[in-house]
Amino acid sequence: MPKVVFLDQGVRGELPEGTTVLEAARHLGARLSSICGGAGTCSTCRVECVVNPQNLSPVEPLEDAYDMGSGVRLGCQARILGDVGLRTVRIPKAVLD
């Protein structure tokens, strides 16, 4: 089973291959937002895979639609295929003028 580490939270564990990053966070007790419950419609479950990014499933078209920046994935869409080191990505607060 792949080893998963949320580097910014010091949370780690082993989970079955094919588990989404969001499912992994919930199972391991890592804090990862998900307003839509994993449907891929809110983009709040953003993560960056900083160790072994090739061990995540290919980028889904839905993820491209959010234009989140290089290396940033949606936790509800990215599936774990091997050992990975992740960090959560905070969404900047909007500033209204």
N, C-alpha and C. Protein backbone atom coordinates (compact mmCIF):
# COMPACT_ATOMS: atom_id res chain seq x y z
N MET A 1 0.84 -1.18 0.00
CA MET A 1 0.00 0.00 0.00
C MET A 1 0.88 1.25 0.00
N PRO A 2 0.46 2.27 -0.75
CA PRO A 2 1.24 3.50 -0.80
C PRO A 2 1.28 4.23 0.54
N LYS A 3 2.44 4.84 0.81
CA LYS A 3 2.60 5.69 1.99
C LYS A 3 2.21 7.12 1.60
N VAL A 4 1.40 7.76 2.43
CA VAL A 4 0.92 9.11 2.19
C VAL A 4 1.32 9.98 3.37
N VAL A 5 1.93 11.13 3.08
CA VAL A 5 2.34 12.06 4.13
C VAL A 5 1.81 13.45 3.79
N PHE A 6 1.10 14.06 4.74
CA PHE A 6 0.71 15.46 4.63
C PHE A 6 1.80 16.23 5.37
N LEU A 7 2.77 16.72 4.62
CA LEU A 7 3.98 17.29 5.17
C LEU A 7 3.73 18.51 6.05
N ASP A 8 2.76 19.33 5.70
CA ASP A 8 2.50 20.55 6.46
C ASP A 8 1.74 20.27 7.76
N GLN A 9 1.28 19.04 7.94
CA GLN A 9 0.51 18.72 9.13
C GLN A 9 1.11 17.59 9.97
N GLY A 10 2.16 16.97 9.44
CA GLY A 10 2.79 15.88 10.17
C GLY A 10 1.91 14.65 10.30
N VAL A 11 1.05 14.44 9.31
CA VAL A 11 0.13 13.30 9.32
C VAL A 11 0.59 12.31 8.25
N ARG A 12 0.61 11.04 8.61
CA ARG A 12 1.06 10.03 7.66
C ARG A 12 0.34 8.71 7.87
N GLY A 13 0.36 7.89 6.81
CA GLY A 13 -0.24 6.57 6.92
C GLY A 13 -0.14 5.84 5.59
N GLU A 14 -0.64 4.62 5.57
CA GLU A 14 -0.67 3.81 4.35
C GLU A 14 -2.13 3.58 3.98
N LEU A 15 -2.40 3.75 2.67
CA LEU A 15 -3.77 3.60 2.18
C LEU A 15 -3.76 2.82 0.88
N PRO A 16 -4.87 2.20 0.53
CA PRO A 16 -4.93 1.43 -0.72
C PRO A 16 -4.71 2.30 -1.95
N GLU A 17 -4.04 1.75 -2.94
CA GLU A 17 -3.85 2.43 -4.21
C GLU A 17 -5.22 2.78 -4.80
N GLY A 18 -5.33 3.97 -5.37
CA GLY A 18 -6.59 4.42 -5.95
C GLY A 18 -7.42 5.30 -5.03
N THR A 19 -6.99 5.42 -3.77
CA THR A 19 -7.67 6.31 -2.83
C THR A 19 -7.47 7.75 -3.28
N THR A 20 -8.53 8.57 -3.20
CA THR A 20 -8.34 9.98 -3.54
C THR A 20 -7.59 10.66 -2.39
N VAL A 21 -6.94 11.77 -2.72
CA VAL A 21 -6.23 12.54 -1.69
C VAL A 21 -7.21 13.02 -0.62
N LEU A 22 -8.40 13.41 -1.03
CA LEU A 22 -9.41 13.86 -0.07
C LEU A 22 -9.80 12.71 0.87
N GLU A 23 -10.02 11.53 0.34
CA GLU A 23 -10.33 10.36 1.18
C GLU A 23 -9.17 10.08 2.13
N ALA A 24 -7.95 10.20 1.63
CA ALA A 24 -6.77 9.96 2.45
C ALA A 24 -6.72 10.95 3.62
N ALA A 25 -6.99 12.23 3.32
CA ALA A 25 -6.98 13.25 4.37
C ALA A 25 -8.01 12.92 5.44
N ARG A 26 -9.18 12.56 5.02
CA ARG A 26 -10.25 12.24 5.98
C ARG A 26 -9.88 11.02 6.83
N HIS A 27 -9.34 10.00 6.20
CA HIS A 27 -8.98 8.77 6.90
C HIS A 27 -7.84 9.00 7.91
N LEU A 28 -6.87 9.83 7.51
CA LEU A 28 -5.70 10.05 8.35
C LEU A 28 -5.87 11.19 9.36
N GLY A 29 -6.94 11.95 9.22
CA GLY A 29 -7.18 13.06 10.15
C GLY A 29 -6.49 14.35 9.75
N ALA A 30 -6.11 14.49 8.49
CA ALA A 30 -5.51 15.74 8.01
C ALA A 30 -6.63 16.74 7.70
N ARG A 31 -6.34 18.01 7.88
CA ARG A 31 -7.31 19.05 7.58
C ARG A 31 -7.22 19.41 6.10
N LEU A 32 -8.31 19.17 5.37
CA LEU A 32 -8.40 19.52 3.96
C LEU A 32 -9.86 19.89 3.69
N SER A 33 -10.08 21.14 3.31
CA SER A 33 -11.44 21.63 3.08
C SER A 33 -12.09 20.90 1.92
N SER A 34 -13.42 20.84 1.96
CA SER A 34 -14.20 20.28 0.87
C SER A 34 -15.65 20.70 1.04
N ILE A 35 -15.96 21.88 0.59
CA ILE A 35 -17.31 22.43 0.75
C ILE A 35 -18.33 21.59 -0.01
N CYS A 36 -17.96 21.09 -1.21
CA CYS A 36 -18.91 20.35 -2.05
C CYS A 36 -18.95 18.86 -1.72
N GLY A 37 -18.16 18.41 -0.75
CA GLY A 37 -18.18 17.01 -0.36
C GLY A 37 -17.45 16.08 -1.31
N GLY A 38 -16.60 16.62 -2.16
CA GLY A 38 -15.81 15.78 -3.06
C GLY A 38 -16.36 15.67 -4.47
N ALA A 39 -17.29 16.53 -4.83
CA ALA A 39 -17.88 16.49 -6.17
C ALA A 39 -17.04 17.22 -7.22
N GLY A 40 -16.02 17.94 -6.78
CA GLY A 40 -15.16 18.66 -7.73
C GLY A 40 -15.74 19.97 -8.20
N THR A 41 -16.67 20.52 -7.45
CA THR A 41 -17.32 21.75 -7.90
C THR A 41 -16.93 23.00 -7.12
N CYS A 42 -16.13 22.86 -6.06
CA CYS A 42 -15.79 24.04 -5.25
C CYS A 42 -14.31 24.41 -5.30
N SER A 43 -13.45 23.49 -5.57
CA SER A 43 -11.98 23.65 -5.65
C SER A 43 -11.33 24.01 -4.32
N THR A 44 -11.99 23.71 -3.20
CA THR A 44 -11.40 24.04 -1.90
C THR A 44 -10.42 22.98 -1.40
N CYS A 45 -10.40 21.81 -2.00
CA CYS A 45 -9.52 20.72 -1.53
C CYS A 45 -8.20 20.70 -2.30
N ARG A 46 -7.61 21.86 -2.46
CA ARG A 46 -6.37 21.98 -3.24
C ARG A 46 -5.16 21.45 -2.47
N VAL A 47 -4.33 20.70 -3.18
CA VAL A 47 -3.09 20.17 -2.61
C VAL A 47 -1.98 20.29 -3.64
N GLU A 48 -0.77 20.29 -3.14
CA GLU A 48 0.40 20.22 -4.01
C GLU A 48 1.17 18.97 -3.62
N CYS A 49 1.51 18.17 -4.61
CA CYS A 49 2.30 16.97 -4.36
C CYS A 49 3.76 17.37 -4.54
N VAL A 50 4.50 17.48 -3.42
CA VAL A 50 5.88 17.94 -3.47
C VAL A 50 6.89 16.79 -3.47
N VAL A 51 6.42 15.58 -3.19
CA VAL A 51 7.27 14.39 -3.25
C VAL A 51 6.56 13.35 -4.11
N ASN A 52 7.20 12.94 -5.18
CA ASN A 52 6.68 11.93 -6.12
C ASN A 52 5.36 12.33 -6.79
N PRO A 53 5.28 13.50 -7.41
CA PRO A 53 4.03 13.89 -8.08
C PRO A 53 3.60 12.91 -9.17
N GLN A 54 4.53 12.15 -9.70
CA GLN A 54 4.19 11.17 -10.73
C GLN A 54 3.36 10.02 -10.15
N ASN A 55 3.28 9.95 -8.82
CA ASN A 55 2.51 8.89 -8.18
C ASN A 55 1.05 9.29 -7.91
N LEU A 56 0.60 10.37 -8.56
CA LEU A 56 -0.81 10.72 -8.56
C LEU A 56 -1.38 10.44 -9.94
N SER A 57 -2.66 10.19 -10.00
CA SER A 57 -3.33 9.95 -11.29
C SER A 57 -3.18 11.17 -12.19
N PRO A 58 -3.35 11.00 -13.51
CA PRO A 58 -3.25 12.14 -14.43
C PRO A 58 -4.27 13.24 -14.08
N VAL A 59 -3.93 14.46 -14.44
CA VAL A 59 -4.80 15.62 -14.20
C VAL A 59 -6.10 15.44 -14.97
N GLU A 60 -7.20 15.65 -14.26
CA GLU A 60 -8.54 15.55 -14.86
C GLU A 60 -8.91 16.88 -15.53
N PRO A 61 -9.73 16.85 -16.59
CA PRO A 61 -10.15 18.09 -17.25
C PRO A 61 -10.80 19.08 -16.28
N LEU A 62 -11.53 18.57 -15.30
CA LEU A 62 -12.16 19.42 -14.31
C LEU A 62 -11.12 20.26 -13.56
N GLU A 63 -9.96 19.67 -13.28
CA GLU A 63 -8.91 20.38 -12.57
C GLU A 63 -8.34 21.51 -13.43
N ASP A 64 -8.18 21.26 -14.71
CA ASP A 64 -7.67 22.29 -15.63
C ASP A 64 -8.59 23.50 -15.66
N ALA A 65 -9.87 23.28 -15.50
CA ALA A 65 -10.86 24.37 -15.58
C ALA A 65 -10.65 25.41 -14.47
N TYR A 66 -10.06 25.02 -13.35
CA TYR A 66 -9.89 25.94 -12.23
C TYR A 66 -8.63 26.79 -12.33
N ASP A 67 -7.69 26.45 -13.21
CA ASP A 67 -6.46 27.23 -13.39
C ASP A 67 -5.81 27.54 -12.04
N MET A 68 -5.45 26.48 -11.32
CA MET A 68 -4.94 26.61 -9.95
C MET A 68 -3.44 26.83 -9.87
N GLY A 69 -2.75 26.72 -10.99
CA GLY A 69 -1.30 26.88 -10.99
C GLY A 69 -0.60 25.54 -11.15
N SER A 70 0.64 25.62 -11.48
CA SER A 70 1.45 24.43 -11.75
C SER A 70 1.57 23.54 -10.52
N GLY A 71 1.29 22.28 -10.69
CA GLY A 71 1.47 21.30 -9.63
C GLY A 71 0.36 21.23 -8.60
N VAL A 72 -0.65 22.09 -8.70
CA VAL A 72 -1.73 22.09 -7.73
C VAL A 72 -2.86 21.21 -8.25
N ARG A 73 -3.34 20.35 -7.40
CA ARG A 73 -4.38 19.38 -7.76
C ARG A 73 -5.58 19.51 -6.84
N LEU A 74 -6.71 18.98 -7.30
CA LEU A 74 -7.89 18.87 -6.44
C LEU A 74 -7.80 17.53 -5.71
N GLY A 75 -7.90 17.56 -4.40
CA GLY A 75 -7.80 16.34 -3.61
C GLY A 75 -8.90 15.34 -3.92
N CYS A 76 -10.05 15.82 -4.36
CA CYS A 76 -11.16 14.92 -4.67
C CYS A 76 -10.99 14.24 -6.02
N GLN A 77 -10.11 14.75 -6.86
CA GLN A 77 -9.91 14.19 -8.19
C GLN A 77 -8.62 13.38 -8.30
N ALA A 78 -7.58 13.78 -7.58
CA ALA A 78 -6.27 13.12 -7.66
C ALA A 78 -6.29 11.81 -6.86
N ARG A 79 -5.95 10.73 -7.54
CA ARG A 79 -5.89 9.42 -6.88
C ARG A 79 -4.43 9.04 -6.63
N ILE A 80 -4.20 8.41 -5.50
CA ILE A 80 -2.86 8.03 -5.07
C ILE A 80 -2.50 6.68 -5.69
N LEU A 81 -1.38 6.67 -6.43
CA LEU A 81 -0.93 5.45 -7.11
C LEU A 81 0.35 4.89 -6.52
N GLY A 82 1.01 5.66 -5.65
CA GLY A 82 2.27 5.25 -5.03
C GLY A 82 2.58 6.22 -3.90
N ASP A 83 3.75 6.09 -3.29
CA ASP A 83 4.14 6.94 -2.17
C ASP A 83 4.14 8.41 -2.59
N VAL A 84 3.55 9.28 -1.76
CA VAL A 84 3.48 10.71 -2.05
C VAL A 84 3.67 11.54 -0.79
N GLY A 85 4.20 12.75 -1.00
CA GLY A 85 4.28 13.76 0.05
C GLY A 85 3.47 14.96 -0.41
N LEU A 86 2.49 15.35 0.37
CA LEU A 86 1.55 16.40 -0.02
C LEU A 86 1.59 17.56 0.95
N ARG A 87 1.14 18.71 0.47
CA ARG A 87 0.89 19.83 1.36
C ARG A 87 -0.41 20.49 0.91
N THR A 88 -1.18 20.97 1.85
CA THR A 88 -2.43 21.63 1.51
C THR A 88 -2.14 23.03 0.98
N VAL A 89 -2.99 23.48 0.08
CA VAL A 89 -2.85 24.81 -0.52
C VAL A 89 -4.05 25.64 -0.11
N ARG A 90 -3.78 26.70 0.57
CA ARG A 90 -4.86 27.60 1.01
C ARG A 90 -5.30 28.49 -0.13
N ILE A 91 -6.60 28.71 -0.22
CA ILE A 91 -7.15 29.61 -1.23
C ILE A 91 -7.09 31.02 -0.66
N PRO A 92 -6.48 31.95 -1.40
CA PRO A 92 -6.40 33.32 -0.89
C PRO A 92 -7.79 33.93 -0.71
N LYS A 93 -7.95 34.71 0.33
CA LYS A 93 -9.22 35.38 0.56
C LYS A 93 -9.39 36.50 -0.45
N ALA A 94 -10.61 36.67 -0.90
CA ALA A 94 -10.91 37.75 -1.83
C ALA A 94 -10.92 39.08 -1.10
N VAL A 95 -10.39 40.10 -1.75
CA VAL A 95 -10.41 41.43 -1.20
C VAL A 95 -11.35 42.26 -2.05
N LEU A 96 -12.38 42.79 -1.42
CA LEU A 96 -13.36 43.60 -2.13
C LEU A 96 -13.05 45.07 -1.92
N ASP A 97 -13.04 45.80 -3.00
CA ASP A 97 -12.78 47.25 -2.90
C ASP A 97 -14.07 48.02 -2.77
